[in-house]
Amino acid sequence: MTELNHEHNAHPAQQTPEWPEPGAEQIGDPEIAAIVAALRGVPGMPGAEHEAVYSELHDALLEALNEDAPNGAGEA
């Protein structure tokens, strides 16, 4: 396996990306904000686990966004 870091070089071969903070305060729907909050743990997870988190996030958002609106008119 190819290593990104060499023992003689303490600096990473690739820069660590800066992860944006999920802006829950900018999301008007508290249910959607709670779902999106799951993204906060992604930067600390191994890359192999990201797919499962994104898949669960997608499914939860799809379910929440496809719920019938309370007034029945398609608008919340």
C-alpha atoms as a PDB file:
ATOM      1  CA  MET A   1       0.000   0.000   0.000  1.00  0.00           C
ATOM      2  CA  THR A   2       1.277   3.454  -0.812  1.00  0.00           C
ATOM      3  CA  GLU A   3       1.579   5.731   2.184  1.00  0.00           C
ATOM      4  CA  LEU A   4       0.721   9.419   1.897  1.00  0.00           C
ATOM      5  CA  ASN A   5       3.265  10.381   4.535  1.00  0.00           C
ATOM      6  CA  HIS A   6       6.902   9.508   4.611  1.00  0.00           C
ATOM      7  CA  GLU A   7       8.644   9.070   7.938  1.00  0.00           C
ATOM      8  CA  HIS A   8      11.157  11.784   7.134  1.00  0.00           C
ATOM      9  CA  ASN A   9       8.409  14.262   6.213  1.00  0.00           C
ATOM     10  CA  ALA A  10       6.084  15.236   9.072  1.00  0.00           C
ATOM     11  CA  HIS A  11       3.755  17.193   6.762  1.00  0.00           C
ATOM     12  CA  PRO A  12       0.905  15.330   5.038  1.00  0.00           C
ATOM     13  CA  ALA A  13       1.251  14.740   1.308  1.00  0.00           C
ATOM     14  CA  GLN A  14      -2.304  16.006   0.858  1.00  0.00           C
ATOM     15  CA  GLN A  15      -3.928  18.854   2.692  1.00  0.00           C
ATOM     16  CA  THR A  16      -6.825  18.028   4.955  1.00  0.00           C
ATOM     17  CA  PRO A  17      -9.996  19.554   3.502  1.00  0.00           C
ATOM     18  CA  GLU A  18     -11.791  22.167   5.533  1.00  0.00           C
ATOM     19  CA  TRP A  19     -15.256  20.833   6.272  1.00  0.00           C
ATOM     20  CA  PRO A  20     -18.063  23.382   6.214  1.00  0.00           C
ATOM     21  CA  GLU A  21     -20.201  23.518   9.315  1.00  0.00           C
ATOM     22  CA  PRO A  22     -23.781  22.436   8.665  1.00  0.00           C
ATOM     23  CA  GLY A  23     -25.776  25.642   9.067  1.00  0.00           C
ATOM     24  CA  ALA A  24     -28.672  24.288  11.119  1.00  0.00           C
ATOM     25  CA  GLU A  25     -29.607  27.844  12.030  1.00  0.00           C
ATOM     26  CA  GLN A  26     -30.223  28.531   8.323  1.00  0.00           C
ATOM     27  CA  ILE A  27     -32.607  25.583   7.982  1.00  0.00           C
ATOM     28  CA  GLY A  28     -36.178  26.581   8.754  1.00  0.00           C
ATOM     29  CA  ASP A  29     -37.507  23.065   9.365  1.00  0.00           C
ATOM     30  CA  PRO A  30     -36.361  21.577  12.698  1.00  0.00           C
ATOM     31  CA  GLU A  31     -36.799  17.998  11.415  1.00  0.00           C
ATOM     32  CA  ILE A  32     -34.496  18.678   8.445  1.00  0.00           C
ATOM     33  CA  ALA A  33     -32.007  20.505  10.717  1.00  0.00           C
ATOM     34  CA  ALA A  34     -31.861  17.444  12.984  1.00  0.00           C
ATOM     35  CA  ILE A  35     -31.197  15.153  10.021  1.00  0.00           C
ATOM     36  CA  VAL A  36     -28.473  17.412   8.596  1.00  0.00           C
ATOM     37  CA  ALA A  37     -26.811  17.604  12.040  1.00  0.00           C
ATOM     38  CA  ALA A  38     -25.557  14.055  11.415  1.00  0.00           C
ATOM     39  CA  LEU A  39     -22.990  15.573   9.050  1.00  0.00           C
ATOM     40  CA  ARG A  40     -21.051  17.017  11.995  1.00  0.00           C
ATOM     41  CA  GLY A  41     -19.517  13.636  12.761  1.00  0.00           C
ATOM     42  CA  VAL A  42     -18.350  12.922   9.207  1.00  0.00           C
ATOM     43  CA  PRO A  43     -14.943  14.677   9.346  1.00  0.00           C
ATOM     44  CA  GLY A  44     -13.820  12.439  12.217  1.00  0.00           C
ATOM     45  CA  MET A  45     -14.958   9.196  10.585  1.00  0.00           C
ATOM     46  CA  PRO A  46     -12.874   6.919   8.402  1.00  0.00           C
ATOM     47  CA  GLY A  47     -13.635   7.443   4.716  1.00  0.00           C
ATOM     48  CA  ALA A  48     -14.997   3.912   4.451  1.00  0.00           C
ATOM     49  CA  GLU A  49     -17.904   4.916   6.711  1.00  0.00           C
ATOM     50  CA  HIS A  50     -18.907   8.033   4.767  1.00  0.00           C
ATOM     51  CA  GLU A  51     -21.028   6.169   2.210  1.00  0.00           C
ATOM     52  CA  ALA A  52     -23.284   4.695   4.903  1.00  0.00           C
ATOM     53  CA  VAL A  53     -23.758   8.095   6.573  1.00  0.00           C
ATOM     54  CA  TYR A  54     -24.593   9.794   3.270  1.00  0.00           C
ATOM     55  CA  SER A  55     -26.960   6.990   2.312  1.00  0.00           C
ATOM     56  CA  GLU A  56     -28.814   7.239   5.632  1.00  0.00           C
ATOM     57  CA  LEU A  57     -28.894  11.032   5.330  1.00  0.00           C
ATOM     58  CA  HIS A  58     -30.306  10.799   1.812  1.00  0.00           C
ATOM     59  CA  ASP A  59     -33.022   8.341   2.854  1.00  0.00           C
ATOM     60  CA  ALA A  60     -34.002  10.400   5.897  1.00  0.00           C
ATOM     61  CA  LEU A  61     -34.180  13.628   3.880  1.00  0.00           C
ATOM     62  CA  LEU A  62     -36.165  11.940   1.134  1.00  0.00           C
ATOM     63  CA  GLU A  63     -38.662  10.587   3.658  1.00  0.00           C
ATOM     64  CA  ALA A  64     -38.989  13.938   5.459  1.00  0.00           C
ATOM     65  CA  LEU A  65     -39.340  15.940   2.253  1.00  0.00           C
ATOM     66  CA  ASN A  66     -41.919  13.560   0.792  1.00  0.00           C
ATOM     67  CA  GLU A  67     -44.225  13.725   3.820  1.00  0.00           C
ATOM     68  CA  ASP A  68     -47.576  15.325   3.183  1.00  0.00           C
ATOM     69  CA  ALA A  69     -47.716  18.942   4.220  1.00  0.00           C
ATOM     70  CA  PRO A  70     -49.899  19.619   7.282  1.00  0.00           C
ATOM     71  CA  ASN A  71     -52.328  21.829   5.314  1.00  0.00           C
ATOM     72  CA  GLY A  72     -52.671  19.297   2.474  1.00  0.00           C
ATOM     73  CA  ALA A  73     -51.838  21.947  -0.132  1.00  0.00           C
ATOM     74  CA  GLY A  74     -48.276  20.802  -0.747  1.00  0.00           C
ATOM     75  CA  GLU A  75     -46.846  23.618   1.325  1.00  0.00           C
ATOM     76  CA  ALA A  76     -45.781  23.617   4.944  1.00  0.00           C
END
